[in-house]
Amino acid sequence: MVIARSFTDSAGGAVIAVLHDLNLAAAYADRIALLDEGGWQGSGTVGDRCRKTFSLGVFDHPVGHTSPCGDSPLVVPARA
């Protein structure tokens, strides 16, 4: 992921990666898209797509997000 990020920053290239870890995607991506059972759920900036209201529909469980360091949100399951 560091190499991919470096490529986009220095060469102006684009990288498309399929990840199942939202925290990893949030740490390196500028924009993300979410799929649910093969269906398009939307795309946008990392902060926008990691919001609680959006993630609830995709993961069938409420999640929260915070920014402990830097601009990358940390996605965590919400407690009941």
PDB file of N, CA and C in Angstrom:
ATOM      1  N   MET A   1       0.818  -1.186   0.000  1.00  0.00           N
ATOM      2  CA  MET A   1       0.000   0.000   0.000  1.00  0.00           C
ATOM      3  C   MET A   1       0.868   1.259   0.000  1.00  0.00           C
ATOM      4  N   VAL A   2       2.006   1.193   0.647  1.00  0.00           N
ATOM      5  CA  VAL A   2       2.917   2.335   0.652  1.00  0.00           C
ATOM      6  C   VAL A   2       3.428   2.610  -0.762  1.00  0.00           C
ATOM      7  N   ILE A   3       3.751   1.568  -1.500  1.00  0.00           N
ATOM      8  CA  ILE A   3       4.222   1.727  -2.879  1.00  0.00           C
ATOM      9  C   ILE A   3       3.114   2.306  -3.756  1.00  0.00           C
ATOM     10  N   ALA A   4       1.905   1.823  -3.584  1.00  0.00           N
ATOM     11  CA  ALA A   4       0.775   2.332  -4.371  1.00  0.00           C
ATOM     12  C   ALA A   4       0.527   3.806  -4.063  1.00  0.00           C
ATOM     13  N   ARG A   5       0.560   4.163  -2.797  1.00  0.00           N
ATOM     14  CA  ARG A   5       0.346   5.560  -2.397  1.00  0.00           C
ATOM     15  C   ARG A   5       1.451   6.439  -2.961  1.00  0.00           C
ATOM     16  N   SER A   6       2.687   5.964  -2.901  1.00  0.00           N
ATOM     17  CA  SER A   6       3.828   6.708  -3.427  1.00  0.00           C
ATOM     18  C   SER A   6       3.686   6.930  -4.931  1.00  0.00           C
ATOM     19  N   PHE A   7       3.230   5.914  -5.643  1.00  0.00           N
ATOM     20  CA  PHE A   7       3.021   6.020  -7.089  1.00  0.00           C
ATOM     21  C   PHE A   7       2.017   7.115  -7.418  1.00  0.00           C
ATOM     22  N   THR A   8       0.912   7.133  -6.698  1.00  0.00           N
ATOM     23  CA  THR A   8      -0.113   8.141  -6.994  1.00  0.00           C
ATOM     24  C   THR A   8       0.365   9.545  -6.643  1.00  0.00           C
ATOM     25  N   ASP A   9       1.125   9.651  -5.567  1.00  0.00           N
ATOM     26  CA  ASP A   9       1.602  10.971  -5.144  1.00  0.00           C
ATOM     27  C   ASP A   9       2.690  11.524  -6.057  1.00  0.00           C
ATOM     28  N   SER A  10       3.624  10.663  -6.473  1.00  0.00           N
ATOM     29  CA  SER A  10       4.767  11.159  -7.237  1.00  0.00           C
ATOM     30  C   SER A  10       4.549  11.152  -8.745  1.00  0.00           C
ATOM     31  N   ALA A  11       3.888  10.123  -9.252  1.00  0.00           N
ATOM     32  CA  ALA A  11       3.742   9.990 -10.699  1.00  0.00           C
ATOM     33  C   ALA A  11       2.378  10.468 -11.199  1.00  0.00           C
ATOM     34  N   GLY A  12       1.493  10.793 -10.291  1.00  0.00           N
ATOM     35  CA  GLY A  12       0.167  11.234 -10.703  1.00  0.00           C
ATOM     36  C   GLY A  12      -0.690  10.106 -11.249  1.00  0.00           C
ATOM     37  N   GLY A  13      -0.316   8.873 -10.941  1.00  0.00           N
ATOM     38  CA  GLY A  13      -1.057   7.715 -11.424  1.00  0.00           C
ATOM     39  C   GLY A  13      -2.270   7.425 -10.568  1.00  0.00           C
ATOM     40  N   ALA A  14      -2.979   6.406 -10.963  1.00  0.00           N
ATOM     41  CA  ALA A  14      -4.142   5.953 -10.212  1.00  0.00           C
ATOM     42  C   ALA A  14      -3.954   4.484  -9.862  1.00  0.00           C
ATOM     43  N   VAL A  15      -4.494   4.089  -8.737  1.00  0.00           N
ATOM     44  CA  VAL A  15      -4.429   2.700  -8.290  1.00  0.00           C
ATOM     45  C   VAL A  15      -5.831   2.277  -7.902  1.00  0.00           C
ATOM     46  N   ILE A  16      -6.239   1.116  -8.355  1.00  0.00           N
ATOM     47  CA  ILE A  16      -7.505   0.526  -7.934  1.00  0.00           C
ATOM     48  C   ILE A  16      -7.166  -0.742  -7.177  1.00  0.00           C
ATOM     49  N   ALA A  17      -7.668  -0.852  -5.956  1.00  0.00           N
ATOM     50  CA  ALA A  17      -7.405  -2.017  -5.117  1.00  0.00           C
ATOM     51  C   ALA A  17      -8.715  -2.507  -4.526  1.00  0.00           C
ATOM     52  N   VAL A  18      -8.855  -3.803  -4.407  1.00  0.00           N
ATOM     53  CA  VAL A  18     -10.016  -4.396  -3.764  1.00  0.00           C
ATOM     54  C   VAL A  18      -9.583  -4.815  -2.363  1.00  0.00           C
ATOM     55  N   LEU A  19     -10.206  -4.207  -1.358  1.00  0.00           N
ATOM     56  CA  LEU A  19      -9.855  -4.472   0.035  1.00  0.00           C
ATOM     57  C   LEU A  19     -11.105  -4.804   0.829  1.00  0.00           C
ATOM     58  N   HIS A  20     -10.939  -5.617   1.848  1.00  0.00           N
ATOM     59  CA  HIS A  20     -12.044  -5.919   2.750  1.00  0.00           C
ATOM     60  C   HIS A  20     -11.833  -5.290   4.117  1.00  0.00           C
ATOM     61  N   ASP A  21     -10.815  -4.477   4.241  1.00  0.00           N
ATOM     62  CA  ASP A  21     -10.475  -3.825   5.500  1.00  0.00           C
ATOM     63  C   ASP A  21     -10.665  -2.322   5.325  1.00  0.00           C
ATOM     64  N   LEU A  22     -11.738  -1.781   5.891  1.00  0.00           N
ATOM     65  CA  LEU A  22     -12.012  -0.352   5.739  1.00  0.00           C
ATOM     66  C   LEU A  22     -10.928   0.507   6.361  1.00  0.00           C
ATOM     67  N   ASN A  23     -10.315   0.044   7.439  1.00  0.00           N
ATOM     68  CA  ASN A  23      -9.265   0.829   8.073  1.00  0.00           C
ATOM     69  C   ASN A  23      -8.031   0.926   7.189  1.00  0.00           C
ATOM     70  N   LEU A  24      -7.703  -0.146   6.499  1.00  0.00           N
ATOM     71  CA  LEU A  24      -6.573  -0.112   5.573  1.00  0.00           C
ATOM     72  C   LEU A  24      -6.890   0.811   4.401  1.00  0.00           C
ATOM     73  N   ALA A  25      -8.090   0.714   3.878  1.00  0.00           N
ATOM     74  CA  ALA A  25      -8.500   1.598   2.788  1.00  0.00           C
ATOM     75  C   ALA A  25      -8.475   3.057   3.247  1.00  0.00           C
ATOM     76  N   ALA A  26      -8.972   3.319   4.450  1.00  0.00           N
ATOM     77  CA  ALA A  26      -9.016   4.688   4.962  1.00  0.00           C
ATOM     78  C   ALA A  26      -7.627   5.265   5.162  1.00  0.00           C
ATOM     79  N   ALA A  27      -6.668   4.414   5.483  1.00  0.00           N
ATOM     80  CA  ALA A  27      -5.308   4.896   5.741  1.00  0.00           C
ATOM     81  C   ALA A  27      -4.595   5.335   4.465  1.00  0.00           C
ATOM     82  N   TYR A  28      -4.970   4.760   3.312  1.00  0.00           N
ATOM     83  CA  TYR A  28      -4.219   5.026   2.082  1.00  0.00           C
ATOM     84  C   TYR A  28      -5.015   5.649   0.945  1.00  0.00           C
ATOM     85  N   ALA A  29      -6.311   5.504   0.959  1.00  0.00           N
ATOM     86  CA  ALA A  29      -7.116   5.944  -0.194  1.00  0.00           C
ATOM     87  C   ALA A  29      -7.554   7.400  -0.082  1.00  0.00           C
ATOM     88  N   ASP A  30      -7.759   8.009  -1.237  1.00  0.00           N
ATOM     89  CA  ASP A  30      -8.381   9.330  -1.291  1.00  0.00           C
ATOM     90  C   ASP A  30      -9.896   9.179  -1.393  1.00  0.00           C
ATOM     91  N   ARG A  31     -10.305   8.178  -2.161  1.00  0.00           N
ATOM     92  CA  ARG A  31     -11.730   7.896  -2.378  1.00  0.00           C
ATOM     93  C   ARG A  31     -11.940   6.399  -2.280  1.00  0.00           C
ATOM     94  N   ILE A  32     -13.132   5.998  -1.846  1.00  0.00           N
ATOM     95  CA  ILE A  32     -13.464   4.578  -1.791  1.00  0.00           C
ATOM     96  C   ILE A  32     -14.859   4.348  -2.360  1.00  0.00           C
ATOM     97  N   ALA A  33     -15.102   3.117  -2.763  1.00  0.00           N
ATOM     98  CA  ALA A  33     -16.425   2.688  -3.214  1.00  0.00           C
ATOM     99  C   ALA A  33     -16.771   1.441  -2.410  1.00  0.00           C
ATOM    100  N   LEU A  34     -18.026   1.308  -2.033  1.00  0.00           N
ATOM    101  CA  LEU A  34     -18.465   0.145  -1.270  1.00  0.00           C
ATOM    102  C   LEU A  34     -19.458  -0.671  -2.084  1.00  0.00           C
ATOM    103  N   LEU A  35     -19.256  -1.966  -2.055  1.00  0.00           N
ATOM    104  CA  LEU A  35     -20.169  -2.915  -2.680  1.00  0.00           C
ATOM    105  C   LEU A  35     -20.774  -3.776  -1.587  1.00  0.00           C
ATOM    106  N   ASP A  36     -21.987  -4.243  -1.792  1.00  0.00           N
ATOM    107  CA  ASP A  36     -22.653  -5.149  -0.858  1.00  0.00           C
ATOM    108  C   ASP A  36     -23.318  -6.244  -1.664  1.00  0.00           C
ATOM    109  N   GLU A  37     -22.824  -7.453  -1.514  1.00  0.00           N
ATOM    110  CA  GLU A  37     -23.336  -8.610  -2.254  1.00  0.00           C
ATOM    111  C   GLU A  37     -23.376  -8.326  -3.750  1.00  0.00           C
ATOM    112  N   GLY A  38     -22.316  -7.700  -4.247  1.00  0.00           N
ATOM    113  CA  GLY A  38     -22.196  -7.416  -5.669  1.00  0.00           C
ATOM    114  C   GLY A  38     -22.904  -6.162  -6.136  1.00  0.00           C
ATOM    115  N   GLY A  39     -23.626  -5.498  -5.242  1.00  0.00           N
ATOM    116  CA  GLY A  39     -24.353  -4.291  -5.621  1.00  0.00           C
ATOM    117  C   GLY A  39     -23.640  -3.033  -5.176  1.00  0.00           C
ATOM    118  N   TRP A  40     -23.684  -2.013  -6.006  1.00  0.00           N
ATOM    119  CA  TRP A  40     -23.045  -0.733  -5.749  1.00  0.00           C
ATOM    120  C   TRP A  40     -23.765  -0.016  -4.618  1.00  0.00           C
ATOM    121  N   GLN A  41     -23.028   0.385  -3.585  1.00  0.00           N
ATOM    122  CA  GLN A  41     -23.608   1.106  -2.460  1.00  0.00           C
ATOM    123  C   GLN A  41     -23.199   2.574  -2.421  1.00  0.00           C
ATOM    124  N   GLY A  42     -22.269   2.957  -3.269  1.00  0.00           N
ATOM    125  CA  GLY A  42     -21.873   4.360  -3.343  1.00  0.00           C
ATOM    126  C   GLY A  42     -20.371   4.535  -3.281  1.00  0.00           C
ATOM    127  N   SER A  43     -19.946   5.742  -3.571  1.00  0.00           N
ATOM    128  CA  SER A  43     -18.528   6.064  -3.520  1.00  0.00           C
ATOM    129  C   SER A  43     -18.374   7.490  -3.049  1.00  0.00           C
ATOM    130  N   GLY A  44     -17.167   7.826  -2.657  1.00  0.00           N
ATOM    131  CA  GLY A  44     -16.897   9.178  -2.210  1.00  0.00           C
ATOM    132  C   GLY A  44     -15.600   9.241  -1.444  1.00  0.00           C
ATOM    133  N   THR A  45     -15.425  10.332  -0.724  1.00  0.00           N
ATOM    134  CA  THR A  45     -14.219  10.466   0.084  1.00  0.00           C
ATOM    135  C   THR A  45     -14.272   9.452   1.222  1.00  0.00           C
ATOM    136  N   VAL A  46     -13.128   9.164   1.785  1.00  0.00           N
ATOM    137  CA  VAL A  46     -13.058   8.185   2.869  1.00  0.00           C
ATOM    138  C   VAL A  46     -13.946   8.600   4.038  1.00  0.00           C
ATOM    139  N   GLY A  47     -13.842   9.836   4.476  1.00  0.00           N
ATOM    140  CA  GLY A  47     -14.648  10.299   5.607  1.00  0.00           C
ATOM    141  C   GLY A  47     -16.134  10.203   5.343  1.00  0.00           C
ATOM    142  N   ASP A  48     -16.554  10.541   4.135  1.00  0.00           N
ATOM    143  CA  ASP A  48     -17.967  10.489   3.766  1.00  0.00           C
ATOM    144  C   ASP A  48     -18.497   9.051   3.776  1.00  0.00           C
ATOM    145  N   ARG A  49     -17.753   8.130   3.189  1.00  0.00           N
ATOM    146  CA  ARG A  49     -18.220   6.747   3.063  1.00  0.00           C
ATOM    147  C   ARG A  49     -18.131   5.958   4.358  1.00  0.00           C
ATOM    148  N   CYS A  50     -17.342   6.390   5.307  1.00  0.00           N
ATOM    149  CA  CYS A  50     -17.196   5.657   6.565  1.00  0.00           C
ATOM    150  C   CYS A  50     -18.179   6.137   7.623  1.00  0.00           C
ATOM    151  N   ARG A  51     -19.069   7.007   7.266  1.00  0.00           N
ATOM    152  CA  ARG A  51     -20.026   7.515   8.242  1.00  0.00           C
ATOM    153  C   ARG A  51     -20.964   6.405   8.725  1.00  0.00           C
ATOM    154  N   LYS A  52     -21.408   6.545   9.943  1.00  0.00           N
ATOM    155  CA  LYS A  52     -22.247   5.535  10.598  1.00  0.00           C
ATOM    156  C   LYS A  52     -23.509   5.214   9.797  1.00  0.00           C
ATOM    157  N   THR A  53     -24.199   6.202   9.292  1.00  0.00           N
ATOM    158  CA  THR A  53     -25.461   5.950   8.598  1.00  0.00           C
ATOM    159  C   THR A  53     -25.256   5.147   7.322  1.00  0.00           C
ATOM    160  N   PHE A  54     -24.150   5.371   6.639  1.00  0.00           N
ATOM    161  CA  PHE A  54     -23.887   4.630   5.405  1.00  0.00           C
ATOM    162  C   PHE A  54     -23.463   3.200   5.695  1.00  0.00           C
ATOM    163  N   SER A  55     -22.560   3.027   6.656  1.00  0.00           N
ATOM    164  CA  SER A  55     -21.997   1.716   6.949  1.00  0.00           C
ATOM    165  C   SER A  55     -23.009   0.761   7.542  1.00  0.00           C
ATOM    166  N   LEU A  56     -24.014   1.255   8.232  1.00  0.00           N
ATOM    167  CA  LEU A  56     -25.020   0.388   8.848  1.00  0.00           C
ATOM    168  C   LEU A  56     -25.696  -0.495   7.811  1.00  0.00           C
ATOM    169  N   GLY A  57     -26.023   0.049   6.659  1.00  0.00           N
ATOM    170  CA  GLY A  57     -26.689  -0.731   5.627  1.00  0.00           C
ATOM    171  C   GLY A  57     -25.796  -1.783   5.006  1.00  0.00           C
ATOM    172  N   VAL A  58     -24.527  -1.512   4.879  1.00  0.00           N
ATOM    173  CA  VAL A  58     -23.610  -2.435   4.235  1.00  0.00           C
ATOM    174  C   VAL A  58     -23.206  -3.573   5.165  1.00  0.00           C
ATOM    175  N   PHE A  59     -22.920  -3.256   6.420  1.00  0.00           N
ATOM    176  CA  PHE A  59     -22.392  -4.262   7.335  1.00  0.00           C
ATOM    177  C   PHE A  59     -23.452  -4.885   8.217  1.00  0.00           C
ATOM    178  N   ASP A  60     -24.681  -4.426   8.141  1.00  0.00           N
ATOM    179  CA  ASP A  60     -25.772  -4.938   8.959  1.00  0.00           C
ATOM    180  C   ASP A  60     -25.434  -4.871  10.444  1.00  0.00           C
ATOM    181  N   HIS A  61     -24.604  -3.923  10.814  1.00  0.00           N
ATOM    182  CA  HIS A  61     -24.241  -3.676  12.208  1.00  0.00           C
ATOM    183  C   HIS A  61     -23.764  -2.234  12.289  1.00  0.00           C
ATOM    184  N   PRO A  62     -24.210  -1.509  13.310  1.00  0.00           N
ATOM    185  CA  PRO A  62     -23.771  -0.115  13.407  1.00  0.00           C
ATOM    186  C   PRO A  62     -22.269  -0.015  13.664  1.00  0.00           C
ATOM    187  N   VAL A  63     -21.633   0.920  12.997  1.00  0.00           N
ATOM    188  CA  VAL A  63     -20.215   1.173  13.220  1.00  0.00           C
ATOM    189  C   VAL A  63     -20.026   2.649  13.506  1.00  0.00           C
ATOM    190  N   GLY A  64     -18.963   2.940  14.190  1.00  0.00           N
ATOM    191  CA  GLY A  64     -18.608   4.315  14.463  1.00  0.00           C
ATOM    192  C   GLY A  64     -17.287   4.612  13.801  1.00  0.00           C
ATOM    193  N   HIS A  65     -16.935   5.853  13.732  1.00  0.00           N
ATOM    194  CA  HIS A  65     -15.618   6.196  13.214  1.00  0.00           C
ATOM    195  C   HIS A  65     -15.084   7.386  13.991  1.00  0.00           C
ATOM    196  N   THR A  66     -13.805   7.409  14.150  1.00  0.00           N
ATOM    197  CA  THR A  66     -13.116   8.460  14.866  1.00  0.00           C
ATOM    198  C   THR A  66     -11.804   8.737  14.150  1.00  0.00           C
ATOM    199  N   SER A  67     -11.133   9.775  14.502  1.00  0.00           N
ATOM    200  CA  SER A  67      -9.840  10.090  13.893  1.00  0.00           C
ATOM    201  C   SER A  67      -8.789  10.223  14.998  1.00  0.00           C
ATOM    202  N   PRO A  68      -8.224   9.092  15.431  1.00  0.00           N
ATOM    203  CA  PRO A  68      -7.263   9.144  16.532  1.00  0.00           C
ATOM    204  C   PRO A  68      -5.962   9.846  16.162  1.00  0.00           C
ATOM    205  N   CYS A  69      -5.567   9.777  14.897  1.00  0.00           N
ATOM    206  CA  CYS A  69      -4.352  10.462  14.478  1.00  0.00           C
ATOM    207  C   CYS A  69      -4.454  10.740  12.983  1.00  0.00           C
ATOM    208  N   GLY A  70      -4.087  11.914  12.592  1.00  0.00           N
ATOM    209  CA  GLY A  70      -4.137  12.267  11.182  1.00  0.00           C
ATOM    210  C   GLY A  70      -5.552  12.443  10.681  1.00  0.00           C
ATOM    211  N   ASP A  71      -5.707  12.313   9.370  1.00  0.00           N
ATOM    212  CA  ASP A  71      -7.009  12.515   8.740  1.00  0.00           C
ATOM    213  C   ASP A  71      -7.770  11.225   8.500  1.00  0.00           C
ATOM    214  N   SER A  72      -7.137  10.073   8.706  1.00  0.00           N
ATOM    215  CA  SER A  72      -7.774   8.792   8.411  1.00  0.00           C
ATOM    216  C   SER A  72      -8.720   8.379   9.528  1.00  0.00           C
ATOM    217  N   PRO A  73      -9.978   8.106   9.187  1.00  0.00           N
ATOM    218  CA  PRO A  73     -10.887   7.619  10.233  1.00  0.00           C
ATOM    219  C   PRO A  73     -10.548   6.197  10.630  1.00  0.00           C
ATOM    220  N   LEU A  74     -10.876   5.829  11.855  1.00  0.00           N
ATOM    221  CA  LEU A  74     -10.735   4.469  12.337  1.00  0.00           C
ATOM    222  C   LEU A  74     -12.147   3.916  12.489  1.00  0.00           C
ATOM    223  N   VAL A  75     -12.484   2.869  11.752  1.00  0.00           N
ATOM    224  CA  VAL A  75     -13.826   2.298  11.759  1.00  0.00           C
ATOM    225  C   VAL A  75     -13.879   1.194  12.796  1.00  0.00           C
ATOM    226  N   VAL A  76     -14.816   1.283  13.737  1.00  0.00           N
ATOM    227  CA  VAL A  76     -14.936   0.294  14.804  1.00  0.00           C
ATOM    228  C   VAL A  76     -16.405  -0.095  14.981  1.00  0.00           C
ATOM    229  N   PRO A  77     -16.674  -1.362  15.367  1.00  0.00           N
ATOM    230  CA  PRO A  77     -18.053  -1.756  15.638  1.00  0.00           C
ATOM    231  C   PRO A  77     -18.622  -0.952  16.810  1.00  0.00           C
ATOM    232  N   ALA A  78     -19.868  -0.542  16.703  1.00  0.00           N
ATOM    233  CA  ALA A  78     -20.510   0.191  17.782  1.00  0.00           C
ATOM    234  C   ALA A  78     -21.022  -0.796  18.825  1.00  0.00           C
ATOM    235  N   ARG A  79     -20.926  -0.406  20.076  1.00  0.00           N
ATOM    236  CA  ARG A  79     -21.452  -1.255  21.140  1.00  0.00           C
ATOM    237  C   ARG A  79     -22.944  -1.073  21.252  1.00  0.00           C
ATOM    238  N   ALA A  80     -23.627  -2.136  21.599  1.00  0.00           N
ATOM    239  CA  ALA A  80     -25.089  -2.085  21.735  1.00  0.00           C
ATOM    240  C   ALA A  80     -25.475  -1.370  23.006  1.00  0.00           C
TER     241      ALA A  80
END
